N, C-alpha and C. Protein backbone atom coordinates (compact mmCIF):
# COMPACT_ATOMS: atom_id res chain seq x y z
N MET A 1 -6.60 -17.02 8.73
CA MET A 1 -6.71 -15.67 8.19
C MET A 1 -8.02 -15.06 8.66
N ASN A 2 -8.03 -13.78 8.89
CA ASN A 2 -9.21 -13.02 9.30
C ASN A 2 -10.34 -13.22 8.29
N THR A 3 -11.55 -13.45 8.79
CA THR A 3 -12.69 -13.69 7.89
C THR A 3 -13.08 -12.45 7.10
N PHE A 4 -12.60 -11.27 7.49
CA PHE A 4 -12.89 -10.04 6.76
C PHE A 4 -11.96 -9.84 5.57
N TYR A 5 -10.90 -10.66 5.50
CA TYR A 5 -9.94 -10.55 4.42
C TYR A 5 -10.44 -11.32 3.20
N ASN A 6 -10.34 -10.72 2.05
CA ASN A 6 -10.81 -11.34 0.81
C ASN A 6 -9.61 -11.68 -0.08
N GLN A 7 -9.47 -12.93 -0.43
CA GLN A 7 -8.44 -13.35 -1.38
C GLN A 7 -9.07 -13.97 -2.62
N ASN A 8 -10.29 -13.65 -2.88
CA ASN A 8 -11.01 -14.22 -4.02
C ASN A 8 -10.75 -13.38 -5.28
N TYR A 9 -9.51 -13.45 -5.76
CA TYR A 9 -9.08 -12.68 -6.92
C TYR A 9 -8.25 -13.55 -7.85
N THR A 10 -8.34 -13.27 -9.12
CA THR A 10 -7.42 -13.89 -10.07
C THR A 10 -6.16 -13.04 -10.14
N PHE A 11 -5.12 -13.63 -10.63
CA PHE A 11 -3.87 -12.89 -10.83
C PHE A 11 -4.09 -11.71 -11.77
N GLU A 12 -4.88 -11.95 -12.83
CA GLU A 12 -5.16 -10.90 -13.82
C GLU A 12 -5.92 -9.73 -13.19
N LYS A 13 -6.85 -10.01 -12.30
CA LYS A 13 -7.61 -8.94 -11.64
C LYS A 13 -6.69 -8.11 -10.75
N ILE A 14 -5.78 -8.75 -10.04
CA ILE A 14 -4.84 -8.00 -9.20
C ILE A 14 -3.90 -7.17 -10.06
N GLU A 15 -3.47 -7.71 -11.20
CA GLU A 15 -2.65 -6.91 -12.12
C GLU A 15 -3.41 -5.67 -12.58
N GLU A 16 -4.70 -5.81 -12.84
CA GLU A 16 -5.54 -4.69 -13.26
C GLU A 16 -5.67 -3.65 -12.14
N ILE A 17 -5.90 -4.11 -10.92
CA ILE A 17 -5.99 -3.20 -9.76
C ILE A 17 -4.66 -2.50 -9.54
N LEU A 18 -3.57 -3.24 -9.61
CA LEU A 18 -2.24 -2.66 -9.42
C LEU A 18 -1.94 -1.64 -10.52
N GLU A 19 -2.34 -1.92 -11.75
CA GLU A 19 -2.13 -0.96 -12.84
C GLU A 19 -2.88 0.34 -12.55
N SER A 20 -4.07 0.24 -12.01
CA SER A 20 -4.85 1.43 -11.65
C SER A 20 -4.13 2.24 -10.57
N ILE A 21 -3.60 1.55 -9.57
CA ILE A 21 -2.84 2.21 -8.50
C ILE A 21 -1.62 2.90 -9.08
N GLN A 22 -0.86 2.18 -9.89
CA GLN A 22 0.38 2.73 -10.42
C GLN A 22 0.13 3.83 -11.45
N GLU A 23 -0.98 3.77 -12.15
CA GLU A 23 -1.32 4.86 -13.07
C GLU A 23 -1.58 6.14 -12.27
N CYS A 24 -2.23 6.01 -11.13
CA CYS A 24 -2.44 7.18 -10.26
C CYS A 24 -1.11 7.74 -9.77
N VAL A 25 -0.19 6.85 -9.42
CA VAL A 25 1.13 7.29 -8.98
C VAL A 25 1.85 8.02 -10.12
N ARG A 26 1.80 7.44 -11.34
CA ARG A 26 2.42 8.09 -12.50
C ARG A 26 1.86 9.49 -12.73
N ARG A 27 0.56 9.65 -12.51
CA ARG A 27 -0.12 10.93 -12.77
C ARG A 27 -0.11 11.84 -11.54
N ASN A 28 0.60 11.42 -10.49
CA ASN A 28 0.69 12.18 -9.25
C ASN A 28 -0.69 12.38 -8.61
N ARG A 29 -1.54 11.36 -8.74
CA ARG A 29 -2.88 11.39 -8.15
C ARG A 29 -2.95 10.41 -6.98
N TYR A 30 -2.06 10.65 -6.01
CA TYR A 30 -2.03 9.81 -4.81
C TYR A 30 -1.61 10.66 -3.62
N ILE A 31 -2.02 10.19 -2.46
CA ILE A 31 -1.69 10.86 -1.20
C ILE A 31 -1.30 9.79 -0.20
N VAL A 32 -0.21 10.03 0.53
CA VAL A 32 0.17 9.14 1.63
C VAL A 32 -0.43 9.73 2.91
N SER A 33 -1.26 8.94 3.60
CA SER A 33 -1.90 9.41 4.84
C SER A 33 -0.84 9.66 5.91
N ARG A 34 -0.87 10.88 6.43
CA ARG A 34 0.08 11.24 7.48
C ARG A 34 -0.63 12.05 8.55
N ASN A 35 -1.89 11.66 8.82
CA ASN A 35 -2.66 12.38 9.83
C ASN A 35 -2.36 11.84 11.23
N ALA A 36 -3.09 12.34 12.20
CA ALA A 36 -2.84 11.98 13.60
C ALA A 36 -2.99 10.49 13.87
N ASN A 37 -3.76 9.79 13.05
CA ASN A 37 -3.96 8.35 13.24
C ASN A 37 -2.91 7.51 12.52
N ARG A 38 -1.99 8.13 11.84
CA ARG A 38 -1.03 7.40 11.01
C ARG A 38 0.42 7.62 11.45
N HIS A 39 0.66 7.50 12.77
CA HIS A 39 2.01 7.69 13.31
C HIS A 39 3.01 6.70 12.74
N GLU A 40 2.55 5.46 12.48
CA GLU A 40 3.46 4.44 11.92
C GLU A 40 3.98 4.88 10.55
N ASN A 41 3.13 5.49 9.75
CA ASN A 41 3.56 5.97 8.43
C ASN A 41 4.64 7.03 8.59
N ASP A 42 4.39 7.99 9.47
CA ASP A 42 5.38 9.07 9.70
C ASP A 42 6.71 8.51 10.18
N LYS A 43 6.64 7.60 11.15
CA LYS A 43 7.87 7.02 11.70
C LYS A 43 8.65 6.26 10.63
N PHE A 44 7.95 5.48 9.82
CA PHE A 44 8.60 4.71 8.76
C PHE A 44 9.28 5.64 7.75
N ILE A 45 8.58 6.66 7.32
CA ILE A 45 9.12 7.61 6.35
C ILE A 45 10.35 8.31 6.92
N THR A 46 10.30 8.68 8.19
CA THR A 46 11.43 9.35 8.84
C THR A 46 12.59 8.39 9.07
N ASP A 47 12.30 7.19 9.60
CA ASP A 47 13.36 6.23 9.94
C ASP A 47 14.17 5.81 8.72
N TYR A 48 13.55 5.80 7.55
CA TYR A 48 14.24 5.37 6.33
C TYR A 48 14.47 6.53 5.36
N ASN A 49 14.26 7.75 5.84
CA ASN A 49 14.47 8.96 5.03
C ASN A 49 13.86 8.79 3.63
N LEU A 50 12.58 8.44 3.61
CA LEU A 50 11.90 8.16 2.35
C LEU A 50 11.36 9.45 1.74
N THR A 51 12.14 9.98 0.84
CA THR A 51 11.71 11.18 0.12
C THR A 51 10.51 10.83 -0.75
N SER A 52 9.84 11.83 -1.26
CA SER A 52 8.70 11.56 -2.14
C SER A 52 9.13 10.77 -3.37
N VAL A 53 10.34 11.00 -3.85
CA VAL A 53 10.86 10.26 -5.01
C VAL A 53 11.03 8.78 -4.66
N LYS A 54 11.58 8.49 -3.49
CA LYS A 54 11.78 7.10 -3.06
C LYS A 54 10.43 6.42 -2.80
N GLN A 55 9.49 7.14 -2.19
CA GLN A 55 8.16 6.58 -1.96
C GLN A 55 7.52 6.19 -3.29
N ARG A 56 7.59 7.09 -4.23
CA ARG A 56 7.02 6.85 -5.56
C ARG A 56 7.66 5.61 -6.20
N SER A 57 8.96 5.49 -6.07
CA SER A 57 9.69 4.35 -6.61
C SER A 57 9.20 3.04 -5.99
N ILE A 58 8.99 3.04 -4.68
CA ILE A 58 8.48 1.84 -3.99
C ILE A 58 7.11 1.47 -4.54
N PHE A 59 6.23 2.44 -4.69
CA PHE A 59 4.88 2.16 -5.20
C PHE A 59 4.92 1.62 -6.63
N MET A 60 5.84 2.12 -7.43
CA MET A 60 5.92 1.70 -8.84
C MET A 60 6.55 0.32 -8.99
N GLU A 61 7.27 -0.16 -7.99
CA GLU A 61 7.93 -1.45 -8.07
C GLU A 61 7.09 -2.60 -7.50
N ILE A 62 5.92 -2.31 -6.96
CA ILE A 62 5.05 -3.36 -6.42
C ILE A 62 4.63 -4.29 -7.55
N LYS A 63 4.57 -5.56 -7.24
CA LYS A 63 4.17 -6.59 -8.21
C LYS A 63 2.88 -7.26 -7.73
N ALA A 64 2.17 -7.88 -8.65
CA ALA A 64 0.94 -8.59 -8.29
C ALA A 64 1.23 -9.69 -7.26
N THR A 65 2.42 -10.27 -7.31
CA THR A 65 2.77 -11.32 -6.34
C THR A 65 2.94 -10.77 -4.92
N ASP A 66 2.99 -9.45 -4.76
CA ASP A 66 3.07 -8.83 -3.44
C ASP A 66 1.69 -8.68 -2.79
N PHE A 67 0.63 -9.04 -3.54
CA PHE A 67 -0.74 -8.87 -3.03
C PHE A 67 -1.03 -9.87 -1.91
N CYS A 68 -1.72 -9.38 -0.88
CA CYS A 68 -2.12 -10.23 0.24
C CYS A 68 -3.63 -10.45 0.26
N HIS A 69 -4.39 -9.36 0.36
CA HIS A 69 -5.85 -9.47 0.46
C HIS A 69 -6.48 -8.10 0.30
N SER A 70 -7.80 -8.09 0.20
CA SER A 70 -8.55 -6.85 0.29
C SER A 70 -9.44 -6.95 1.52
N LEU A 71 -10.00 -5.84 1.92
CA LEU A 71 -10.94 -5.81 3.02
C LEU A 71 -11.84 -4.59 2.88
N GLN A 72 -13.01 -4.67 3.46
CA GLN A 72 -13.93 -3.54 3.43
C GLN A 72 -13.47 -2.50 4.45
N ASN A 73 -13.57 -1.24 4.08
CA ASN A 73 -13.32 -0.16 5.01
C ASN A 73 -14.37 -0.25 6.11
N THR A 74 -13.96 -0.17 7.37
CA THR A 74 -14.92 -0.27 8.48
C THR A 74 -15.25 1.08 9.09
N ASN A 75 -14.67 2.15 8.58
CA ASN A 75 -14.96 3.48 9.10
C ASN A 75 -16.37 3.91 8.70
N VAL A 76 -17.10 4.47 9.65
CA VAL A 76 -18.48 4.89 9.43
C VAL A 76 -18.55 5.86 8.26
N GLY A 77 -19.45 5.56 7.34
CA GLY A 77 -19.64 6.39 6.15
C GLY A 77 -18.79 5.96 4.97
N PHE A 78 -17.85 5.05 5.20
CA PHE A 78 -16.94 4.63 4.14
C PHE A 78 -16.98 3.12 3.91
N GLU A 79 -18.02 2.48 4.41
CA GLU A 79 -18.13 1.02 4.36
C GLU A 79 -18.17 0.48 2.94
N HIS A 80 -18.48 1.30 1.97
CA HIS A 80 -18.54 0.88 0.56
C HIS A 80 -17.15 0.76 -0.07
N GLU A 81 -16.13 1.26 0.59
CA GLU A 81 -14.79 1.27 0.02
C GLU A 81 -14.07 -0.06 0.25
N VAL A 82 -13.34 -0.50 -0.77
CA VAL A 82 -12.51 -1.70 -0.67
C VAL A 82 -11.06 -1.27 -0.59
N LEU A 83 -10.33 -1.83 0.37
CA LEU A 83 -8.93 -1.51 0.59
C LEU A 83 -8.09 -2.70 0.15
N PHE A 84 -6.97 -2.42 -0.50
CA PHE A 84 -6.11 -3.47 -1.05
C PHE A 84 -4.77 -3.47 -0.34
N VAL A 85 -4.34 -4.64 0.14
CA VAL A 85 -3.11 -4.77 0.93
C VAL A 85 -2.06 -5.51 0.11
N PHE A 86 -0.88 -4.90 0.03
CA PHE A 86 0.29 -5.48 -0.61
C PHE A 86 1.43 -5.44 0.40
N CYS A 87 2.37 -6.36 0.27
CA CYS A 87 3.51 -6.38 1.18
C CYS A 87 4.79 -6.70 0.40
N PRO A 88 5.34 -5.69 -0.29
CA PRO A 88 6.60 -5.93 -1.00
C PRO A 88 7.79 -5.99 -0.03
N GLN A 89 8.81 -6.68 -0.45
CA GLN A 89 10.07 -6.73 0.30
C GLN A 89 11.06 -5.85 -0.44
N VAL A 90 11.56 -4.83 0.27
CA VAL A 90 12.37 -3.79 -0.36
C VAL A 90 13.65 -3.59 0.43
N ARG A 91 14.73 -3.35 -0.29
CA ARG A 91 15.99 -2.99 0.38
C ARG A 91 16.01 -1.48 0.60
N LEU A 92 16.15 -1.10 1.89
CA LEU A 92 16.17 0.31 2.26
C LEU A 92 17.37 0.57 3.16
N HIS A 93 17.76 1.82 3.26
CA HIS A 93 18.82 2.22 4.18
C HIS A 93 18.16 2.91 5.37
N ASN A 94 18.49 2.41 6.58
CA ASN A 94 17.91 3.01 7.77
C ASN A 94 18.60 4.35 8.07
N PHE A 95 18.18 4.97 9.15
CA PHE A 95 18.68 6.30 9.50
C PHE A 95 20.20 6.32 9.70
N ASP A 96 20.76 5.16 10.12
CA ASP A 96 22.20 5.05 10.32
C ASP A 96 22.95 4.68 9.04
N GLY A 97 22.22 4.53 7.93
CA GLY A 97 22.84 4.21 6.66
C GLY A 97 23.03 2.73 6.41
N LYS A 98 22.59 1.88 7.34
CA LYS A 98 22.72 0.43 7.18
C LYS A 98 21.59 -0.08 6.28
N GLU A 99 21.95 -0.92 5.30
CA GLU A 99 20.95 -1.48 4.41
C GLU A 99 20.20 -2.61 5.10
N GLU A 100 18.88 -2.61 4.91
CA GLU A 100 18.01 -3.64 5.47
C GLU A 100 17.03 -4.11 4.41
N ARG A 101 16.63 -5.36 4.52
CA ARG A 101 15.51 -5.86 3.71
C ARG A 101 14.26 -5.70 4.56
N VAL A 102 13.31 -4.91 4.07
CA VAL A 102 12.14 -4.53 4.86
C VAL A 102 10.87 -5.02 4.17
N ASP A 103 10.02 -5.69 4.94
CA ASP A 103 8.67 -6.01 4.46
C ASP A 103 7.81 -4.78 4.72
N ILE A 104 7.30 -4.19 3.65
CA ILE A 104 6.50 -2.97 3.78
C ILE A 104 5.02 -3.33 3.66
N TYR A 105 4.26 -2.93 4.66
CA TYR A 105 2.82 -3.13 4.67
C TYR A 105 2.17 -1.91 4.02
N LEU A 106 1.52 -2.14 2.88
CA LEU A 106 0.88 -1.07 2.13
C LEU A 106 -0.61 -1.36 1.98
N LYS A 107 -1.43 -0.39 2.37
CA LYS A 107 -2.87 -0.53 2.21
C LYS A 107 -3.35 0.65 1.37
N PHE A 108 -3.97 0.33 0.22
CA PHE A 108 -4.41 1.33 -0.75
C PHE A 108 -5.93 1.42 -0.80
N ASN A 109 -6.40 2.63 -0.99
CA ASN A 109 -7.82 2.89 -1.25
C ASN A 109 -7.88 3.60 -2.60
N ILE A 110 -8.60 3.05 -3.55
CA ILE A 110 -8.74 3.65 -4.87
C ILE A 110 -10.09 4.36 -4.93
N LEU A 111 -10.07 5.67 -5.03
CA LEU A 111 -11.30 6.46 -5.06
C LEU A 111 -11.56 6.97 -6.47
N GLU A 112 -12.79 6.89 -6.87
CA GLU A 112 -13.18 7.47 -8.15
C GLU A 112 -13.68 8.88 -7.90
N CYS A 113 -13.02 9.85 -8.52
CA CYS A 113 -13.45 11.24 -8.35
C CYS A 113 -13.02 12.04 -9.58
N ASP A 114 -13.82 13.01 -9.94
CA ASP A 114 -13.48 13.88 -11.07
C ASP A 114 -13.14 13.10 -12.33
N GLU A 115 -13.85 12.02 -12.58
CA GLU A 115 -13.66 11.17 -13.77
C GLU A 115 -12.28 10.51 -13.82
N GLU A 116 -11.50 10.66 -12.77
CA GLU A 116 -10.19 10.01 -12.66
C GLU A 116 -10.09 9.40 -11.28
N ASN A 117 -9.26 8.39 -11.14
CA ASN A 117 -9.06 7.79 -9.83
C ASN A 117 -8.06 8.59 -9.02
N LEU A 118 -8.18 8.46 -7.72
CA LEU A 118 -7.24 9.01 -6.76
C LEU A 118 -6.92 7.88 -5.80
N VAL A 119 -5.64 7.69 -5.48
CA VAL A 119 -5.24 6.63 -4.55
C VAL A 119 -4.83 7.26 -3.23
N ILE A 120 -5.38 6.71 -2.16
CA ILE A 120 -4.97 7.08 -0.81
C ILE A 120 -4.14 5.91 -0.28
N VAL A 121 -2.91 6.19 0.11
CA VAL A 121 -2.05 5.18 0.73
C VAL A 121 -2.32 5.29 2.22
N ILE A 122 -3.16 4.41 2.71
CA ILE A 122 -3.60 4.47 4.11
C ILE A 122 -2.51 3.98 5.04
N SER A 123 -1.87 2.87 4.68
CA SER A 123 -0.79 2.31 5.49
C SER A 123 0.47 2.22 4.65
N PHE A 124 1.57 2.68 5.24
CA PHE A 124 2.88 2.66 4.58
C PHE A 124 3.91 2.56 5.69
N HIS A 125 4.17 1.31 6.13
CA HIS A 125 5.08 1.10 7.25
C HIS A 125 5.61 -0.33 7.23
N LYS A 126 6.52 -0.61 8.14
CA LYS A 126 7.03 -1.98 8.27
C LYS A 126 5.88 -2.90 8.63
N ARG A 127 5.91 -4.11 8.07
CA ARG A 127 4.89 -5.09 8.41
C ARG A 127 4.95 -5.35 9.90
N ASN A 128 3.78 -5.32 10.55
CA ASN A 128 3.74 -5.50 12.00
C ASN A 128 2.79 -6.63 12.41
N LYS A 129 2.36 -7.43 11.43
CA LYS A 129 1.51 -8.58 11.73
C LYS A 129 1.73 -9.63 10.64
N PRO A 130 1.37 -10.87 10.92
CA PRO A 130 1.53 -11.91 9.91
C PRO A 130 0.68 -11.61 8.67
N ILE A 131 1.19 -11.96 7.52
CA ILE A 131 0.45 -11.79 6.27
C ILE A 131 0.52 -13.10 5.48
N VAL A 132 -0.44 -13.25 4.58
CA VAL A 132 -0.46 -14.39 3.69
C VAL A 132 -0.55 -13.84 2.27
N TYR A 133 0.42 -14.19 1.45
CA TYR A 133 0.41 -13.75 0.06
C TYR A 133 -0.54 -14.66 -0.73
N LEU A 134 -1.30 -14.08 -1.63
CA LEU A 134 -2.22 -14.87 -2.43
C LEU A 134 -1.50 -15.66 -3.52
N PHE A 135 -0.46 -15.10 -4.13
CA PHE A 135 0.17 -15.72 -5.30
C PHE A 135 1.58 -16.22 -5.06
N ARG A 136 1.95 -16.46 -3.84
CA ARG A 136 3.29 -17.00 -3.55
C ARG A 136 3.16 -18.37 -2.94
């Protein structure tokens, strides 16, 4: 595993982090990154016709056992941020209507702002590299 990946968490701590993420989703305080650097996110959303309702459903169904690791943000000026990676396995229908079991690579950034958290979903696409689950 990459030395930058952190798996030094208890199950209870990941449940707490996940609750914070899902509370932001419940309160509609989240954004899925779809900028020029996030083509994989756009392609995934299009290929599986993931409406905002379906995206929200996927985020709300994540479990602590889907947690892989955290890592420090390496972007200049954002090195203080911790990113959390989960990889749930979800049944989705592709563009042709065929059902598939898909490993979804999700990377979350939890920002504290305006006395409330905001979640940025940095990565939202099919898993494209090996992962190691912490609690499986």
